[in-house]
Amino acid sequence: MSLTPEQLTAKIGTSPARVISVTHAPKPVTIVLIDFSSSMKAEWQQSLEAAKQLTGGAGDRVGVVVFNYQVFDLASGREPTDKLLERLATLKPRMDGTALYDTLIEVANAAKNPNTVLIFLSDGKDNESHHSPEQTIDLFLKNRWPPVFGLVLDYSDDEKRRGYFKKVVTETGGILAHPSSASGVAEAASQLWSAINAPFTVVLQASQPVLKPQKLKIEMIGPNGKPGHRTEIVHVSEISGCDAPAPAVTN
């Protein structure tokens, strides 16, 4: 959608910031990570269909990583990605564990383009990683790695086992889609892709120096002059800190 600065309000921490401009940004490199462990056996076909859906609109700026307790296979670029997805359709998930967090770290660390998003297709389980969710989040934030998006293919009511993965997604600036049944996977993937495929750049003017990490809140103003309730800021790619005024020199 077309946005203007007048349609947005912003705060850095508790201080208001002026929105200078809003422009469309380049579409990101899309890397889809597919859980190939035994717990995905029942949802394997749905996972592959979602992978084709999520990679289909990415053009040549696309890649796929297949993993279980370690990276099993990968592809980069349009043709290699399509070929790998076709080959996966002839396979069944292996009877192995899942190193979801370790795989996230490995792939994020190898991503060279800062304008990248990682999309996980998994049930959210992890029983093989050496890193905890908290350690994973710390590494992502410290190294300014790409945001993590997730399409969780788990239709049970066990929210607890997905909770850790949800925290990783939220803290790194992504969105978690969790369809309630197999019939909702295509729609969930479509909504996820719509959010990823519409990046924009907002230039802000802070009202005071930014000396330490702060929360950024941006809201869209609705027709009634009030912030819209469904506005989400998915991922902030970069915020440049504002220098404090130079201290006065006295003799």
Protein backbone atom coordinates (compact mmCIF):
# COMPACT_ATOMS: atom_id res chain seq x y z
CA MET A 1 0.00 0.00 0.00
CA SER A 2 1.05 3.62 -0.50
CA LEU A 3 1.93 5.31 2.77
CA THR A 4 2.76 8.92 3.50
CA PRO A 5 4.63 10.32 6.53
CA GLU A 6 1.39 11.92 7.73
CA GLN A 7 -0.20 8.50 8.13
CA LEU A 8 2.41 7.30 10.65
CA THR A 9 3.36 8.16 14.20
CA ALA A 10 6.61 7.00 15.80
CA LYS A 11 8.24 6.73 19.19
CA ILE A 12 11.81 5.81 20.06
CA GLY A 13 11.57 4.58 23.62
CA THR A 14 9.11 7.00 25.23
CA SER A 15 10.10 9.98 23.08
CA PRO A 16 8.20 10.96 19.94
CA ALA A 17 10.03 10.95 16.62
CA ARG A 18 9.10 12.77 13.42
CA VAL A 19 8.49 10.64 10.33
CA ILE A 20 10.46 12.27 7.50
CA SER A 21 9.75 9.89 4.63
CA VAL A 22 8.31 6.49 3.70
CA THR A 23 9.59 4.69 0.61
CA HIS A 24 9.38 1.18 -0.82
CA ALA A 25 12.46 -0.93 -0.11
CA PRO A 26 14.07 -3.70 -2.21
CA LYS A 27 12.54 -7.12 -1.74
CA PRO A 28 14.63 -9.34 0.52
CA VAL A 29 16.55 -12.51 -0.20
CA THR A 30 14.26 -15.32 0.97
CA ILE A 31 15.72 -18.43 2.60
CA VAL A 32 13.22 -21.16 3.48
CA LEU A 33 14.35 -23.69 6.08
CA ILE A 34 12.50 -27.01 5.93
CA ASP A 35 12.36 -29.37 8.89
CA PHE A 36 13.18 -32.86 7.59
CA SER A 37 13.04 -34.68 10.94
CA SER A 38 10.75 -37.57 11.86
CA SER A 39 8.21 -35.42 13.71
CA MET A 40 7.28 -33.77 10.39
CA LYS A 41 6.30 -37.04 8.71
CA ALA A 42 2.53 -36.45 8.86
CA GLU A 43 2.84 -32.84 7.64
CA TRP A 44 5.56 -33.44 5.04
CA GLN A 45 3.37 -32.93 1.96
CA GLN A 46 1.86 -29.76 3.41
CA SER A 47 5.35 -28.51 4.24
CA LEU A 48 6.57 -29.00 0.66
CA GLU A 49 3.51 -27.27 -0.79
CA ALA A 50 4.06 -24.33 1.55
CA ALA A 51 7.75 -24.21 0.59
CA LYS A 52 6.84 -23.98 -3.11
CA GLN A 53 4.33 -21.27 -2.30
CA LEU A 54 6.80 -19.22 -0.24
CA THR A 55 9.68 -19.53 -2.71
CA GLY A 56 7.56 -19.07 -5.81
CA GLY A 57 7.42 -15.28 -5.74
CA ALA A 58 11.01 -14.66 -4.71
CA GLY A 59 12.53 -14.86 -8.19
CA ASP A 60 16.25 -15.61 -8.19
CA ARG A 61 16.70 -14.12 -4.68
CA VAL A 62 15.78 -17.41 -3.04
CA GLY A 63 17.33 -20.37 -1.28
CA VAL A 64 16.28 -23.52 0.59
CA VAL A 65 17.93 -25.28 3.52
CA VAL A 66 16.75 -28.78 4.52
CA PHE A 67 17.71 -29.93 8.01
CA ASN A 68 17.13 -32.41 10.81
CA TYR A 69 19.83 -32.74 13.48
CA GLN A 70 22.11 -31.02 10.97
CA VAL A 71 21.85 -29.43 7.53
CA PHE A 72 20.80 -32.22 5.15
CA ASP A 73 20.77 -30.36 1.82
CA LEU A 74 20.58 -26.83 0.42
CA ALA A 75 20.13 -24.84 -2.77
CA SER A 76 20.57 -21.22 -3.84
CA GLY A 77 18.92 -19.54 -6.82
CA ARG A 78 15.73 -20.19 -8.74
CA GLU A 79 16.56 -23.32 -10.73
CA PRO A 80 18.51 -25.17 -7.99
CA THR A 81 15.73 -24.37 -5.49
CA ASP A 82 13.03 -25.77 -7.78
CA LYS A 83 15.07 -28.91 -8.43
CA LEU A 84 15.67 -29.52 -4.73
CA LEU A 85 11.97 -29.13 -3.92
CA GLU A 86 11.13 -31.61 -6.68
CA ARG A 87 13.63 -34.11 -5.28
CA LEU A 88 12.27 -33.69 -1.75
CA ALA A 89 8.84 -34.73 -3.02
CA THR A 90 10.28 -38.22 -3.61
CA LEU A 91 11.70 -38.49 -0.07
CA LYS A 92 10.29 -38.99 3.41
CA PRO A 93 11.55 -37.29 6.60
CA ARG A 94 14.32 -39.22 8.31
CA MET A 95 14.03 -40.80 11.74
CA ASP A 96 16.27 -38.19 13.32
CA GLY A 97 16.03 -35.41 15.86
CA THR A 98 15.66 -31.68 15.23
CA ALA A 99 18.33 -29.03 15.76
CA LEU A 100 16.13 -26.05 14.97
CA TYR A 101 18.04 -23.37 16.91
CA ASP A 102 21.50 -24.54 15.83
CA THR A 103 20.36 -24.53 12.21
CA LEU A 104 18.98 -21.02 12.57
CA ILE A 105 22.34 -19.83 13.88
CA GLU A 106 24.32 -21.62 11.18
CA VAL A 107 22.23 -20.23 8.32
CA ALA A 108 21.99 -16.70 9.72
CA ASN A 109 25.74 -16.57 10.26
CA ALA A 110 26.33 -17.60 6.64
CA ALA A 111 23.87 -15.09 5.13
CA LYS A 112 25.92 -12.46 3.33
CA ASN A 113 23.16 -10.09 2.21
CA PRO A 114 21.83 -8.00 5.13
CA ASN A 115 18.48 -7.70 3.34
CA THR A 116 17.50 -11.31 4.01
CA VAL A 117 14.62 -13.08 5.75
CA LEU A 118 14.61 -16.62 7.15
CA ILE A 119 11.35 -18.59 6.99
CA PHE A 120 11.01 -21.78 9.00
CA LEU A 121 8.66 -24.63 8.10
CA SER A 122 8.56 -26.77 11.23
CA ASP A 123 6.42 -28.02 14.08
CA GLY A 124 8.54 -25.90 16.44
CA LYS A 125 10.15 -28.83 18.24
CA ASP A 126 13.86 -28.96 19.04
CA ASN A 127 15.59 -31.87 20.77
CA GLU A 128 19.13 -31.69 19.34
CA SER A 129 20.38 -28.08 19.53
CA HIS A 130 23.30 -27.08 21.70
CA HIS A 131 21.95 -23.52 21.89
CA SER A 132 18.92 -22.52 23.92
CA PRO A 133 16.22 -20.17 22.57
CA GLU A 134 17.63 -17.39 24.76
CA GLN A 135 21.16 -17.90 23.43
CA THR A 136 19.78 -17.94 19.89
CA ILE A 137 17.99 -14.63 20.41
CA ASP A 138 21.10 -13.05 21.95
CA LEU A 139 23.24 -14.06 18.97
CA PHE A 140 20.70 -12.76 16.46
CA LEU A 141 20.42 -9.38 18.16
CA LYS A 142 24.14 -9.02 18.86
CA ASN A 143 25.13 -9.83 15.28
CA ARG A 144 22.17 -8.07 13.65
CA TRP A 145 21.22 -11.23 11.80
CA PRO A 146 18.08 -11.47 9.62
CA PRO A 147 14.59 -11.71 11.11
CA VAL A 148 13.05 -15.16 11.58
CA PHE A 149 9.57 -15.93 10.27
CA GLY A 150 7.82 -19.18 11.04
CA LEU A 151 5.03 -21.31 9.60
CA VAL A 152 4.29 -23.83 12.33
CA LEU A 153 2.73 -27.07 11.11
CA ASP A 154 1.46 -28.42 14.41
CA TYR A 155 -2.27 -28.67 14.93
CA SER A 156 -2.23 -29.82 18.55
CA ASP A 157 -3.12 -27.68 21.55
CA ASP A 158 0.35 -27.98 23.08
CA GLU A 159 1.25 -24.29 23.10
CA LYS A 160 4.16 -24.79 25.50
CA ARG A 161 6.41 -26.68 23.11
CA ARG A 162 5.92 -23.98 20.46
CA GLY A 163 6.39 -21.13 22.92
CA TYR A 164 10.19 -21.09 22.76
CA PHE A 165 10.20 -20.94 18.97
CA LYS A 166 7.55 -18.20 19.04
CA LYS A 167 9.82 -16.15 21.28
CA VAL A 168 12.73 -16.46 18.84
CA VAL A 169 10.50 -15.30 15.98
CA THR A 170 9.07 -12.36 17.92
CA GLU A 171 12.36 -11.16 19.39
CA THR A 172 14.19 -11.21 16.05
CA GLY A 173 11.45 -9.16 14.39
CA GLY A 174 9.49 -11.77 12.45
CA ILE A 175 5.94 -13.11 12.38
CA LEU A 176 4.70 -16.56 13.38
CA ALA A 177 1.86 -18.13 11.39
CA HIS A 178 0.12 -21.09 13.01
CA PRO A 179 -2.81 -22.53 11.04
CA SER A 180 -5.26 -24.51 13.16
CA SER A 181 -5.59 -27.29 10.57
CA ALA A 182 -4.07 -28.57 7.34
CA SER A 183 -6.73 -26.76 5.33
CA GLY A 184 -5.42 -23.41 6.58
CA VAL A 185 -1.77 -23.86 5.59
CA ALA A 186 -2.04 -22.28 2.13
CA GLU A 187 -3.81 -19.19 3.47
CA ALA A 188 -1.31 -18.83 6.34
CA ALA A 189 1.61 -19.08 3.90
CA SER A 190 -0.02 -16.47 1.67
CA GLN A 191 -0.45 -14.00 4.52
CA LEU A 192 3.11 -14.59 5.67
CA TRP A 193 4.47 -13.95 2.19
CA SER A 194 2.39 -10.79 1.83
CA ALA A 195 4.05 -9.33 4.93
CA ILE A 196 7.54 -10.32 3.81
CA ASN A 197 7.05 -9.17 0.22
CA ALA A 198 6.11 -5.55 1.03
CA PRO A 199 9.13 -3.97 2.74
CA PHE A 200 9.47 -0.21 3.13
CA THR A 201 11.97 2.25 4.58
CA VAL A 202 10.99 4.87 7.13
CA VAL A 203 13.33 7.77 7.88
CA LEU A 204 12.84 9.25 11.35
CA GLN A 205 14.10 12.33 13.15
CA ALA A 206 14.59 11.69 16.85
CA SER A 207 13.55 14.37 19.30
CA GLN A 208 16.59 13.68 21.49
CA PRO A 209 19.88 11.76 21.26
CA VAL A 210 19.63 7.97 21.11
CA LEU A 211 22.46 6.74 23.30
CA LYS A 212 21.43 3.14 23.91
CA PRO A 213 19.15 0.50 22.34
CA GLN A 214 15.51 1.59 22.45
CA LYS A 215 12.22 0.08 21.43
CA LEU A 216 10.81 1.52 18.21
CA LYS A 217 7.05 1.85 17.90
CA ILE A 218 5.43 2.91 14.64
CA GLU A 219 1.68 3.07 14.18
CA MET A 220 -0.51 3.90 11.21
CA ILE A 221 -3.22 6.49 11.76
CA GLY A 222 -6.67 5.39 10.68
CA PRO A 223 -9.47 7.46 9.10
CA ASN A 224 -10.70 8.38 12.58
CA GLY A 225 -7.35 9.97 13.45
CA LYS A 226 -6.42 7.19 15.86
CA PRO A 227 -3.72 4.48 15.53
CA GLY A 228 -4.86 1.35 13.77
CA HIS A 229 -5.05 -1.73 15.99
CA ARG A 230 -3.70 -4.17 13.39
CA THR A 231 -0.57 -2.31 12.39
CA GLU A 232 2.58 -4.36 12.90
CA ILE A 233 6.20 -3.37 12.50
CA VAL A 234 7.82 -6.63 11.51
CA HIS A 235 11.51 -5.91 11.35
CA VAL A 236 13.71 -2.86 11.71
CA SER A 237 16.74 -3.39 9.49
CA GLU A 238 18.81 -0.55 10.86
CA ILE A 239 18.54 2.41 13.22
CA SER A 240 21.45 4.82 13.27
CA GLY A 241 22.21 6.16 16.73
CA CYS A 242 22.13 9.90 17.29
CA ASP A 243 25.23 11.43 18.85
CA ALA A 244 24.84 13.41 22.01
CA PRO A 245 25.84 17.09 21.91
CA ALA A 246 29.55 17.67 22.52
CA PRO A 247 30.26 18.59 26.16
CA ALA A 248 31.05 22.21 26.84
CA VAL A 249 34.74 23.00 27.40
CA THR A 250 35.55 25.24 30.36
CA ASN A 251 38.87 26.75 31.34
